[in-house]
Amino acid sequence: MKKLLLIMLAFTTSYAVNAQIQTPAPSPASKIEQKVGLTDVTIEYSRPSMKGRVIFGDLVPFGKIWRTGANARTKISFSDDVTIAGTTVKAGSYAIFTIPNADTWDVIFYTEHQGAGAPQTLDESKIAARTTVDVHAIPFDVQTFSFDINNLSNSSATIDMIWEKTYVAIPFTVPTDAKVSAGIESVMSGPGFNDYYGAASYYYSEGKNLDTAKKWIDKAMSMTDSPQFWQLRQQSLIYAATGDKKGAIALAKQSLAAAEKAGNADYVKMNKESLAEWQK
């Protein structure tokens, strides 16, 4: 009994040491996800509140770089290239820094999005885009700093920031028309290399209508000027499965030569084994 009590005491002590009290974060984390046209836009940031303080021109001084939120740097991510103030911003993630002033804000999209706080001096080589936007006064206090993505259309939107009595919006455009047009052109022009190659590979792996698989793999290979060794290997296997050993051997030799040039020992070995089998 004494031993059991000691074990229970040790367990209770361990639990008390490891237990952690959770309290709300002063500036809770937030994440916004919005599709603009066909482009995914995500903003991750922390949200400070007024708490009776004067914000712009005091807590957030005019004329100085602000991290635009709290805690870690605010991060915005684009799934496609977008355009901000006439500048192309490549798909990827960026920090949003701002320099608030009474009537305008400078907004900077910065490639170094990791870390906390804003750098004392901006590295010009890391500025992906920079724009100046007007400040719009609102007739009531917004207690907690907020981002949003508004004014949505198929090809554009605004990144909105609002806090205290201040609202600013950064317009940007997305390549919806180019993506839709490319998709329409691709579909209307018929199946491509990947379609024929994938269909042929599936038919081969499932043993479905190998003659059709052979026709599709030939069609795929006719659509590329430089087939890779693994693609030639797949074509040779389909030829062999249809009984065309002569064609399979010719393709396997091409695959072998390309694999040797690429230094891929696995495909060299597989092709040599197949050639030994098919040339019997």
Protein backbone atom coordinates (compact mmCIF):
# COMPACT_ATOMS: atom_id res chain seq x y z
CA MET A 1 0.00 0.00 0.00
CA LYS A 2 2.85 2.36 0.90
CA LYS A 3 4.50 1.67 -2.46
CA LEU A 4 1.21 2.36 -4.29
CA LEU A 5 0.79 5.67 -2.47
CA LEU A 6 4.34 6.71 -3.42
CA ILE A 7 3.65 5.92 -7.09
CA MET A 8 0.41 7.93 -7.01
CA LEU A 9 2.20 10.85 -5.33
CA ALA A 10 4.95 10.79 -7.96
CA PHE A 11 2.36 10.75 -10.76
CA THR A 12 0.41 13.64 -9.22
CA THR A 13 3.59 15.69 -8.75
CA SER A 14 4.67 15.03 -12.34
CA TYR A 15 1.26 16.08 -13.66
CA ALA A 16 1.34 19.29 -11.62
CA VAL A 17 4.82 20.17 -12.92
CA ASN A 18 3.91 19.47 -16.56
CA ALA A 19 0.47 21.12 -16.47
CA GLN A 20 0.35 24.53 -18.13
CA ILE A 21 -2.13 27.31 -17.59
CA GLN A 22 -3.53 28.68 -20.85
CA THR A 23 -4.53 32.32 -21.09
CA PRO A 24 -5.78 34.35 -24.07
CA ALA A 25 -3.12 35.98 -26.26
CA PRO A 26 -3.09 39.81 -26.04
CA SER A 27 -2.96 39.94 -29.86
CA PRO A 28 -4.61 36.75 -31.11
CA ALA A 29 -3.49 35.14 -34.36
CA SER A 30 -5.77 35.27 -37.37
CA LYS A 31 -5.79 33.82 -40.89
CA ILE A 32 -7.75 34.98 -43.93
CA GLU A 33 -8.13 32.79 -47.00
CA GLN A 34 -9.77 34.19 -50.11
CA LYS A 35 -9.93 33.08 -53.72
CA VAL A 36 -9.76 36.01 -56.13
CA GLY A 37 -10.72 34.77 -59.56
CA LEU A 38 -8.63 31.58 -59.69
CA THR A 39 -5.88 32.83 -57.37
CA ASP A 40 -5.62 31.84 -53.69
CA VAL A 41 -4.67 34.69 -51.35
CA THR A 42 -3.85 34.02 -47.69
CA ILE A 43 -3.02 36.54 -44.94
CA GLU A 44 -1.65 35.40 -41.57
CA TYR A 45 -1.24 38.02 -38.86
CA SER A 46 -1.79 38.93 -35.20
CA ARG A 47 -4.49 41.40 -34.09
CA PRO A 48 -3.65 44.02 -31.46
CA SER A 49 -6.47 46.03 -29.87
CA MET A 50 -6.79 49.70 -28.90
CA LYS A 51 -7.32 49.15 -25.16
CA GLY A 52 -7.91 52.86 -24.62
CA ARG A 53 -4.75 53.91 -26.46
CA VAL A 54 -4.26 56.40 -29.28
CA ILE A 55 -2.98 54.32 -32.18
CA PHE A 56 -1.83 56.18 -35.29
CA GLY A 57 0.57 58.99 -34.62
CA ASP A 58 1.23 57.67 -31.10
CA LEU A 59 1.41 53.89 -30.47
CA VAL A 60 2.15 53.48 -34.20
CA PRO A 61 4.24 56.57 -35.03
CA PHE A 62 3.86 58.39 -38.30
CA GLY A 63 6.74 58.11 -40.74
CA LYS A 64 8.24 54.92 -39.33
CA ILE A 65 8.17 51.31 -40.57
CA TRP A 66 5.47 49.24 -38.86
CA ARG A 67 5.21 45.47 -38.90
CA THR A 68 1.49 45.94 -39.65
CA GLY A 69 0.12 43.85 -36.83
CA ALA A 70 1.71 42.30 -33.76
CA ASN A 71 4.07 39.46 -32.88
CA ALA A 72 5.47 37.75 -36.00
CA ARG A 73 5.53 39.61 -39.29
CA THR A 74 2.27 39.68 -41.17
CA LYS A 75 2.56 37.23 -44.07
CA ILE A 76 0.62 37.33 -47.32
CA SER A 77 0.77 34.48 -49.85
CA PHE A 78 -0.30 34.41 -53.51
CA SER A 79 -0.74 31.17 -55.49
CA ASP A 80 -0.14 33.03 -58.79
CA ASP A 81 1.80 36.06 -59.91
CA VAL A 82 -0.23 39.20 -59.11
CA THR A 83 0.13 42.84 -60.04
CA ILE A 84 0.39 45.60 -57.42
CA ALA A 85 0.78 49.23 -58.51
CA GLY A 86 1.95 48.10 -61.93
CA THR A 87 4.59 45.75 -60.49
CA THR A 88 4.45 41.99 -60.97
CA VAL A 89 4.72 40.19 -57.63
CA LYS A 90 5.70 36.56 -58.12
CA ALA A 91 3.68 33.74 -56.58
CA GLY A 92 4.92 33.11 -53.05
CA SER A 93 4.90 34.61 -49.55
CA TYR A 94 5.78 38.14 -48.45
CA ALA A 95 5.81 40.28 -45.33
CA ILE A 96 3.60 43.36 -45.41
CA PHE A 97 5.29 46.43 -43.93
CA THR A 98 3.69 49.85 -43.82
CA ILE A 99 4.79 53.41 -43.12
CA PRO A 100 1.64 55.17 -41.84
CA ASN A 101 1.20 58.90 -42.21
CA ALA A 102 -1.76 61.15 -41.51
CA ASP A 103 -3.07 61.22 -45.10
CA THR A 104 -1.29 58.35 -46.87
CA TRP A 105 0.39 55.03 -46.12
CA ASP A 106 3.33 53.48 -47.88
CA VAL A 107 2.78 49.72 -48.25
CA ILE A 108 5.75 47.42 -48.85
CA PHE A 109 5.68 43.77 -49.91
CA TYR A 110 8.94 42.28 -48.63
CA THR A 111 10.44 38.94 -49.64
CA GLU A 112 11.88 38.23 -46.17
CA HIS A 113 8.64 37.31 -44.42
CA GLN A 114 10.11 35.31 -41.55
CA GLY A 115 10.84 36.84 -38.17
CA ALA A 116 9.24 39.29 -35.78
CA GLY A 117 9.01 43.02 -36.15
CA ALA A 118 10.11 45.20 -39.02
CA PRO A 119 13.77 45.80 -39.91
CA GLN A 120 15.17 49.19 -38.96
CA THR A 121 16.31 49.66 -42.54
CA LEU A 122 14.68 48.06 -45.57
CA ASP A 123 16.87 46.14 -48.01
CA GLU A 124 15.86 47.47 -51.42
CA SER A 125 16.71 44.12 -53.05
CA LYS A 126 14.01 42.46 -50.92
CA ILE A 127 11.20 44.86 -51.83
CA ALA A 128 8.92 43.02 -54.26
CA ALA A 129 6.49 45.93 -54.62
CA ARG A 130 5.82 49.29 -53.03
CA THR A 131 2.81 51.54 -53.32
CA THR A 132 1.25 54.56 -51.63
CA VAL A 133 -2.46 54.54 -50.75
CA ASP A 134 -4.80 57.15 -49.33
CA VAL A 135 -6.10 57.11 -45.77
CA HIS A 136 -9.88 57.10 -45.37
CA ALA A 137 -11.28 58.28 -42.05
CA ILE A 138 -14.22 56.38 -40.57
CA PRO A 139 -16.64 57.91 -38.06
CA PHE A 140 -16.21 55.31 -35.32
CA ASP A 141 -13.46 53.34 -33.60
CA VAL A 142 -12.55 49.84 -34.76
CA GLN A 143 -11.10 48.41 -31.59
CA THR A 144 -9.08 45.53 -33.07
CA PHE A 145 -6.70 45.73 -36.03
CA SER A 146 -8.18 43.88 -39.00
CA PHE A 147 -7.19 42.74 -42.47
CA ASP A 148 -9.74 41.80 -45.10
CA ILE A 149 -9.88 41.13 -48.84
CA ASN A 150 -12.73 43.03 -50.45
CA ASN A 151 -14.08 44.55 -53.67
CA LEU A 152 -13.84 41.16 -55.33
CA SER A 153 -14.11 40.74 -59.08
CA ASN A 154 -12.93 37.99 -61.42
CA SER A 155 -9.62 39.74 -61.89
CA SER A 156 -9.05 42.08 -58.95
CA ALA A 157 -9.60 42.87 -55.27
CA THR A 158 -8.29 45.07 -52.48
CA ILE A 159 -6.27 44.22 -49.39
CA ASP A 160 -8.00 46.22 -46.66
CA MET A 161 -6.60 47.32 -43.31
CA ILE A 162 -8.72 48.99 -40.66
CA TRP A 163 -8.00 50.09 -37.09
CA GLU A 164 -9.03 52.95 -34.84
CA LYS A 165 -10.63 55.46 -37.26
CA THR A 166 -8.37 54.61 -40.19
CA TYR A 167 -9.08 52.54 -43.31
CA VAL A 168 -6.69 51.89 -46.19
CA ALA A 169 -7.04 49.64 -49.24
CA ILE A 170 -4.38 48.26 -51.61
CA PRO A 171 -5.71 47.28 -55.05
CA PHE A 172 -4.21 44.29 -56.86
CA THR A 173 -5.02 42.26 -59.95
CA VAL A 174 -4.77 38.54 -60.66
CA PRO A 175 -4.18 36.67 -63.97
CA THR A 176 -7.65 35.16 -64.24
CA ASP A 177 -8.15 35.87 -67.93
CA ALA A 178 -4.76 34.42 -68.86
CA LYS A 179 -5.44 31.24 -66.85
CA VAL A 180 -8.95 30.76 -68.21
CA SER A 181 -7.82 31.43 -71.77
CA ALA A 182 -4.96 28.94 -71.44
CA GLY A 183 -7.35 26.34 -70.04
CA ILE A 184 -9.83 26.88 -72.84
CA GLU A 185 -7.08 26.65 -75.46
CA SER A 186 -5.73 23.45 -73.90
CA VAL A 187 -9.13 21.74 -73.74
CA MET A 188 -10.19 22.85 -77.20
CA SER A 189 -6.95 21.67 -78.78
CA GLY A 190 -7.53 18.13 -77.49
CA PRO A 191 -5.55 15.81 -75.22
CA GLY A 192 -1.89 16.59 -74.61
CA PHE A 193 1.21 14.51 -73.91
CA ASN A 194 0.39 13.91 -70.25
CA ASP A 195 -3.17 12.84 -71.09
CA TYR A 196 -2.10 10.23 -73.65
CA TYR A 197 0.87 9.06 -71.59
CA GLY A 198 -1.16 8.75 -68.38
CA ALA A 199 -4.00 6.90 -70.11
CA ALA A 200 -1.61 4.48 -71.81
CA SER A 201 0.24 3.80 -68.55
CA TYR A 202 -3.03 3.14 -66.73
CA TYR A 203 -4.29 0.72 -69.41
CA TYR A 204 -0.95 -1.11 -69.29
CA SER A 205 -0.89 -1.38 -65.49
CA GLU A 206 -4.49 -2.64 -65.42
CA GLY A 207 -4.13 -4.96 -68.41
CA LYS A 208 -6.88 -3.14 -70.30
CA ASN A 209 -6.92 -3.13 -74.11
CA LEU A 210 -3.16 -3.11 -74.70
CA ASP A 211 -3.55 -2.25 -78.38
CA THR A 212 -5.24 0.98 -77.37
CA ALA A 213 -2.49 1.57 -74.77
CA LYS A 214 0.10 1.16 -77.54
CA LYS A 215 -1.74 3.64 -79.78
CA TRP A 216 -1.91 6.20 -76.97
CA ILE A 217 1.74 5.83 -75.93
CA ASP A 218 2.78 6.30 -79.56
CA LYS A 219 0.61 9.41 -79.74
CA ALA A 220 2.19 10.77 -76.55
CA MET A 221 5.73 10.15 -77.79
CA SER A 222 4.95 11.86 -81.10
CA MET A 223 4.21 15.02 -79.10
CA THR A 224 7.70 15.37 -77.60
CA ASP A 225 11.03 15.91 -79.33
CA SER A 226 13.11 14.49 -76.49
CA PRO A 227 11.44 11.59 -74.64
CA GLN A 228 13.02 10.70 -71.29
CA PHE A 229 14.51 7.30 -70.52
CA TRP A 230 11.67 6.37 -68.16
CA GLN A 231 9.10 7.26 -70.82
CA LEU A 232 10.91 5.14 -73.41
CA ARG A 233 11.02 2.33 -70.85
CA GLN A 234 7.24 2.52 -70.39
CA GLN A 235 6.72 2.51 -74.15
CA SER A 236 8.94 -0.57 -74.51
CA LEU A 237 6.96 -2.44 -71.84
CA ILE A 238 3.67 -1.68 -73.61
CA TYR A 239 5.13 -2.87 -76.94
CA ALA A 240 6.32 -6.09 -75.33
CA ALA A 241 2.90 -6.64 -73.72
CA THR A 242 1.25 -6.44 -77.16
CA GLY A 243 3.72 -8.99 -78.56
CA ASP A 244 5.78 -6.51 -80.57
CA LYS A 245 9.15 -7.72 -79.29
CA LYS A 246 11.10 -6.12 -82.15
CA GLY A 247 9.67 -2.68 -81.36
CA ALA A 248 10.15 -3.29 -77.61
CA ILE A 249 13.83 -4.14 -78.11
CA ALA A 250 14.46 -1.02 -80.20
CA LEU A 251 12.81 1.17 -77.56
CA ALA A 252 14.60 -0.55 -74.68
CA LYS A 253 17.93 0.14 -76.39
CA GLN A 254 17.03 3.82 -76.66
CA SER A 255 15.98 3.89 -73.01
CA LEU A 256 19.21 2.10 -72.00
CA ALA A 257 21.39 4.60 -73.85
CA ALA A 258 19.52 7.55 -72.33
CA ALA A 259 19.66 6.03 -68.83
CA GLU A 260 23.42 5.44 -69.16
CA LYS A 261 23.89 9.04 -70.26
CA ALA A 262 21.83 10.24 -67.28
CA GLY A 263 23.70 7.94 -64.89
CA ASN A 264 20.55 6.18 -63.70
CA ALA A 265 21.74 2.72 -62.63
CA ASP A 266 18.24 1.41 -61.86
CA TYR A 267 16.95 1.98 -65.38
CA VAL A 268 20.20 0.68 -66.89
CA LYS A 269 19.70 -2.56 -64.96
CA MET A 270 15.98 -2.88 -65.83
CA ASN A 271 16.56 -2.28 -69.52
CA LYS A 272 19.42 -4.79 -69.67
CA GLU A 273 17.26 -7.41 -67.98
CA SER A 274 14.37 -6.78 -70.38
CA LEU A 275 16.66 -6.92 -73.41
CA ALA A 276 18.11 -10.22 -72.22
CA GLU A 277 14.58 -11.60 -71.86
CA TRP A 278 13.18 -10.27 -75.15
CA GLN A 279 16.22 -11.23 -77.25
CA LYS A 280 16.10 -14.90 -76.29
